[in-house]
Amino acid sequence: MVKKKKRDTSWNDVAQWYDTYLLEEADTYQKKVILPNVLRILGLGRKERLLDLACGQGFFSREFDKTGARVTGCDISKELIDRATARSEKGITYHVASAEKLLFASPASFDAVICILALQNIENLEEVYKEVSRVLTSQGRFIIVLNHPAFRIPKSSNWGWDEEKQIQFRRIEHYLSSAGVAIEMHPGSDGTTTFSFHRSLQEYFKAFAKSGFAVVRLEEWISHKQSERGVRQRAENTARKEIPLF
């Protein structure tokens, strides 16, 4: 039997780009859409123990730290963790670790675990859920943020324009079938790739139930952006309000 080679999903090779993007770009979805919504949902209390799973360069960890929570971050990319450590206060603890093997964490050691725009880049979903279940307290909460799996499917969804109706629409080529897709991080540049894994909502939910979780809340978030003046401005803005990103 030949062991299946695990696909490389680390963002180690694009750590510098991602770090610079989050630091220098002011109008990002991370800052304008995801952060305020996540803080609202988490409602972190002082001294609550929070694990930022697949934390990248620590952008969200640093924001969570401002609430007074006790924040731990982990990521499989050593390069990103090095950058997170260099940019963060001493109160945040970081670990280089796979989301599937949180060896640094003892059972029931966190009140909340959050995973932002990363679960879709992790291949072994059930192993992640089992580990998160292990490190959470019995009433702990696990919050995930995803690119919306019904409308943002790697290489199988895109915007279209109906000239007759003067509307912008979303074209979806498939949805229920799972897929692992190689994604070029800088198209036309250095050829650096990572993998993204498309799953339907039911696949996420079934895996939750199998790991002992109960889904108690679901929200869908739209873009904050507005189109510039032009013949398609109204249609584009309407589409943004009707078709969620996350």
Protein backbone atom coordinates (compact mmCIF):
# COMPACT_ATOMS: atom_id res chain seq x y z
CA MET A 1 0.00 0.00 0.00
CA VAL A 2 1.30 3.44 -0.92
CA LYS A 3 0.72 6.11 1.69
CA LYS A 4 -1.09 9.14 0.27
CA LYS A 5 1.15 12.18 0.25
CA LYS A 6 -0.19 14.99 2.36
CA ARG A 7 -0.73 18.20 0.42
CA ASP A 8 1.22 21.25 1.53
CA THR A 9 -1.27 23.84 2.78
CA SER A 10 1.18 25.97 4.74
CA TRP A 11 1.42 29.68 3.96
CA ASN A 12 5.11 29.66 4.85
CA ASP A 13 6.15 30.67 1.32
CA VAL A 14 3.85 33.71 1.26
CA ALA A 15 4.41 34.85 4.84
CA GLN A 16 6.04 38.14 3.85
CA TRP A 17 3.29 39.02 1.37
CA TYR A 18 0.48 38.19 3.82
CA ASP A 19 2.15 40.07 6.66
CA THR A 20 2.65 43.19 4.52
CA TYR A 21 -0.91 42.99 3.16
CA LEU A 22 -2.53 42.96 6.60
CA LEU A 23 -0.28 45.69 7.94
CA GLU A 24 -0.38 48.16 5.07
CA GLU A 25 -3.80 47.70 3.45
CA ALA A 26 -6.48 49.69 5.29
CA ASP A 27 -9.56 48.53 3.37
CA THR A 28 -9.37 44.76 3.86
CA TYR A 29 -12.20 42.34 4.61
CA GLN A 30 -10.23 41.26 7.67
CA LYS A 31 -10.38 44.77 9.15
CA LYS A 32 -13.73 46.03 7.87
CA VAL A 33 -15.95 42.95 7.94
CA ILE A 34 -14.48 40.03 9.87
CA LEU A 35 -12.89 41.71 12.90
CA PRO A 36 -15.92 43.72 14.12
CA ASN A 37 -18.27 40.79 13.60
CA VAL A 38 -16.00 38.30 15.35
CA LEU A 39 -15.50 40.60 18.36
CA ARG A 40 -19.27 41.03 18.60
CA ILE A 41 -19.92 37.29 18.52
CA LEU A 42 -17.10 36.34 20.87
CA GLY A 43 -17.99 38.92 23.53
CA LEU A 44 -14.71 38.09 25.22
CA GLY A 45 -14.48 38.57 28.96
CA ARG A 46 -11.30 39.52 30.75
CA LYS A 47 -9.07 36.55 31.47
CA GLU A 48 -11.04 34.22 29.18
CA ARG A 49 -8.69 31.74 27.56
CA LEU A 50 -8.81 32.01 23.77
CA LEU A 51 -6.99 29.94 21.15
CA ASP A 52 -6.53 31.61 17.75
CA LEU A 53 -6.19 28.52 15.56
CA ALA A 54 -4.11 28.98 12.39
CA CYS A 55 -3.41 32.52 13.54
CA GLY A 56 -1.03 33.49 10.73
CA GLN A 57 0.98 36.59 11.53
CA GLY A 58 -1.14 37.37 14.59
CA PHE A 59 -3.36 40.19 13.30
CA PHE A 60 -6.48 38.86 15.04
CA SER A 61 -4.57 37.59 18.09
CA ARG A 62 -3.36 41.13 18.78
CA GLU A 63 -6.90 42.49 18.49
CA PHE A 64 -8.26 39.82 20.84
CA ASP A 65 -5.50 40.61 23.31
CA LYS A 66 -6.83 44.17 23.59
CA THR A 67 -10.02 42.82 25.19
CA GLY A 68 -8.12 41.51 28.19
CA ALA A 69 -8.51 37.87 27.19
CA ARG A 70 -5.60 35.47 27.62
CA VAL A 71 -4.68 34.76 24.02
CA THR A 72 -2.72 31.85 22.54
CA GLY A 73 -2.04 31.61 18.82
CA CYS A 74 -0.78 28.71 16.75
CA ASP A 75 0.03 28.14 13.10
CA ILE A 76 1.79 25.45 11.11
CA SER A 77 4.00 28.10 9.44
CA LYS A 78 7.11 28.91 11.48
CA GLU A 79 7.71 31.99 9.34
CA LEU A 80 4.27 33.41 10.18
CA ILE A 81 4.66 32.60 13.88
CA ASP A 82 8.04 34.35 13.92
CA ARG A 83 6.36 37.44 12.46
CA ALA A 84 3.47 37.19 14.92
CA THR A 85 5.86 36.97 17.86
CA ALA A 86 7.90 39.95 16.65
CA ARG A 87 4.80 42.16 16.26
CA SER A 88 2.94 41.18 19.44
CA GLU A 89 3.03 42.08 23.10
CA LYS A 90 4.50 39.60 25.56
CA GLY A 91 1.05 38.67 26.86
CA ILE A 92 0.29 36.54 23.78
CA THR A 93 1.73 33.03 23.58
CA TYR A 94 2.47 31.56 20.15
CA HIS A 95 3.22 28.00 19.04
CA VAL A 96 4.25 26.42 15.76
CA ALA A 97 1.72 23.60 15.52
CA SER A 98 -0.63 21.84 13.15
CA ALA A 99 -4.34 22.37 13.82
CA GLU A 100 -4.64 18.58 13.82
CA LYS A 101 -2.12 18.11 16.67
CA LEU A 102 -2.24 20.76 19.38
CA LEU A 103 0.47 19.10 21.45
CA PHE A 104 1.09 22.27 23.47
CA ALA A 105 -2.47 22.29 24.87
CA SER A 106 -3.86 20.14 27.67
CA PRO A 107 -7.51 18.98 27.72
CA ALA A 108 -10.13 21.64 28.58
CA SER A 109 -7.52 24.41 28.58
CA PHE A 110 -9.49 26.97 26.52
CA ASP A 111 -12.85 28.69 26.88
CA ALA A 112 -13.04 29.54 23.18
CA VAL A 113 -11.30 28.58 19.94
CA ILE A 114 -11.55 30.66 16.79
CA CYS A 115 -10.40 29.78 13.28
CA ILE A 116 -10.58 32.57 10.70
CA LEU A 117 -10.33 31.86 6.96
CA ALA A 118 -8.14 28.83 7.60
CA LEU A 119 -10.33 25.74 7.97
CA GLN A 120 -10.94 25.85 4.22
CA ASN A 121 -7.18 25.40 3.74
CA ILE A 122 -6.88 22.39 6.06
CA GLU A 123 -7.30 18.92 4.59
CA ASN A 124 -8.21 16.74 7.57
CA LEU A 125 -11.35 18.40 8.91
CA GLU A 126 -12.41 15.76 11.42
CA GLU A 127 -8.99 15.59 13.07
CA VAL A 128 -9.10 19.35 13.61
CA TYR A 129 -12.57 19.16 15.16
CA LYS A 130 -11.47 16.34 17.49
CA GLU A 131 -8.48 18.33 18.68
CA VAL A 132 -10.53 21.48 19.20
CA SER A 133 -13.09 19.44 21.17
CA ARG A 134 -10.29 18.07 23.32
CA VAL A 135 -8.79 21.44 24.27
CA LEU A 136 -12.13 23.20 24.88
CA THR A 137 -13.96 23.22 28.19
CA SER A 138 -17.30 21.36 28.27
CA GLN A 139 -19.21 24.60 27.58
CA GLY A 140 -16.51 26.06 25.36
CA ARG A 141 -17.31 27.59 22.00
CA PHE A 142 -15.69 27.10 18.62
CA ILE A 143 -16.16 29.90 16.08
CA ILE A 144 -15.12 29.49 12.46
CA VAL A 145 -15.12 32.04 9.64
CA LEU A 146 -15.12 30.71 6.07
CA ASN A 147 -15.23 31.99 2.56
CA HIS A 148 -18.89 31.23 1.91
CA PRO A 149 -18.85 27.65 0.56
CA ALA A 150 -22.06 28.11 -1.44
CA PHE A 151 -20.85 31.15 -3.37
CA ARG A 152 -17.04 31.16 -3.28
CA ILE A 153 -15.86 27.86 -4.69
CA PRO A 154 -12.20 27.75 -5.79
CA LYS A 155 -11.98 27.91 -9.60
CA SER A 156 -15.69 27.00 -9.88
CA SER A 157 -17.52 30.24 -9.14
CA ASN A 158 -17.35 33.73 -10.59
CA TRP A 159 -19.31 36.91 -11.28
CA GLY A 160 -21.36 37.20 -14.47
CA TRP A 161 -23.30 39.99 -16.16
CA ASP A 162 -26.77 39.65 -17.72
CA GLU A 163 -26.94 42.36 -20.35
CA GLU A 164 -30.67 41.97 -20.97
CA LYS A 165 -31.69 42.17 -17.30
CA GLN A 166 -28.85 44.53 -16.35
CA ILE A 167 -27.97 42.46 -13.29
CA GLN A 168 -24.81 40.98 -11.89
CA PHE A 169 -25.11 37.34 -10.90
CA ARG A 170 -23.00 34.63 -9.34
CA ARG A 171 -22.21 31.59 -11.47
CA ILE A 172 -21.74 28.35 -9.50
CA GLU A 173 -20.39 25.35 -11.41
CA HIS A 174 -20.69 22.81 -8.59
CA TYR A 175 -21.43 22.82 -4.88
CA LEU A 176 -22.06 19.42 -3.21
CA SER A 177 -18.92 17.70 -4.49
CA SER A 178 -15.87 18.12 -2.28
CA ALA A 179 -12.66 19.20 -3.97
CA GLY A 180 -9.04 20.05 -3.22
CA VAL A 181 -7.77 22.80 -5.51
CA ALA A 182 -4.26 24.13 -5.99
CA ILE A 183 -4.32 27.93 -5.75
CA GLU A 184 -1.66 30.21 -7.20
CA MET A 185 -0.86 32.81 -4.56
CA HIS A 186 0.66 35.27 -7.03
CA PRO A 187 -0.77 34.45 -10.50
CA GLY A 188 1.75 35.02 -13.26
CA SER A 189 4.56 35.59 -10.78
CA ASP A 190 6.67 33.04 -8.87
CA GLY A 191 4.36 30.03 -9.13
CA THR A 192 3.88 29.68 -5.36
CA THR A 193 0.79 27.58 -4.62
CA THR A 194 -1.23 26.34 -1.68
CA PHE A 195 -4.30 24.12 -1.48
CA SER A 196 -7.87 25.09 -0.73
CA PHE A 197 -10.55 22.53 0.09
CA HIS A 198 -14.14 23.08 -0.93
CA ARG A 199 -16.81 21.48 1.25
CA SER A 200 -20.56 21.93 1.38
CA LEU A 201 -22.20 23.31 4.50
CA GLN A 202 -23.65 19.90 5.30
CA GLU A 203 -20.16 18.40 5.29
CA TYR A 204 -19.00 20.95 7.87
CA PHE A 205 -22.13 20.41 9.97
CA LYS A 206 -21.99 16.59 9.88
CA ALA A 207 -18.35 16.71 11.00
CA PHE A 208 -19.36 19.00 13.87
CA ALA A 209 -22.02 16.56 15.06
CA LYS A 210 -19.62 13.63 14.76
CA SER A 211 -17.14 15.45 17.01
CA GLY A 212 -19.71 16.27 19.68
CA PHE A 213 -20.45 19.88 18.78
CA ALA A 214 -23.87 21.51 18.53
CA VAL A 215 -24.20 24.31 15.96
CA VAL A 216 -26.09 27.11 17.69
CA ARG A 217 -25.49 30.05 15.38
CA LEU A 218 -24.90 30.82 11.71
CA GLU A 219 -24.33 34.24 10.19
CA GLU A 220 -23.63 35.33 6.61
CA TRP A 221 -21.58 38.48 6.05
CA ILE A 222 -21.56 40.71 2.99
CA SER A 223 -18.90 42.95 1.48
CA HIS A 224 -18.51 46.49 2.81
CA LYS A 225 -17.23 47.78 -0.52
CA GLN A 226 -19.01 50.05 -3.02
CA SER A 227 -18.53 50.28 -6.77
CA GLU A 228 -17.38 53.48 -8.43
CA ARG A 229 -19.87 55.45 -10.51
CA GLY A 230 -20.76 53.76 -13.79
CA VAL A 231 -23.49 51.91 -15.66
CA ARG A 232 -23.09 48.80 -13.52
CA GLN A 233 -22.69 50.53 -10.16
CA ARG A 234 -26.21 49.88 -8.89
CA ALA A 235 -26.28 46.25 -10.03
CA GLU A 236 -22.85 45.51 -8.52
CA ASN A 237 -23.76 47.08 -5.19
CA THR A 238 -27.04 45.17 -5.12
CA ALA A 239 -25.24 41.90 -5.79
CA ARG A 240 -22.83 42.59 -2.93
CA LYS A 241 -25.75 43.01 -0.53
CA GLU A 242 -27.51 39.86 -1.68
CA ILE A 243 -24.63 37.38 -2.08
CA PRO A 244 -22.54 36.98 1.08
CA LEU A 245 -18.78 36.57 1.11
CA PHE A 246 -18.37 34.87 4.49
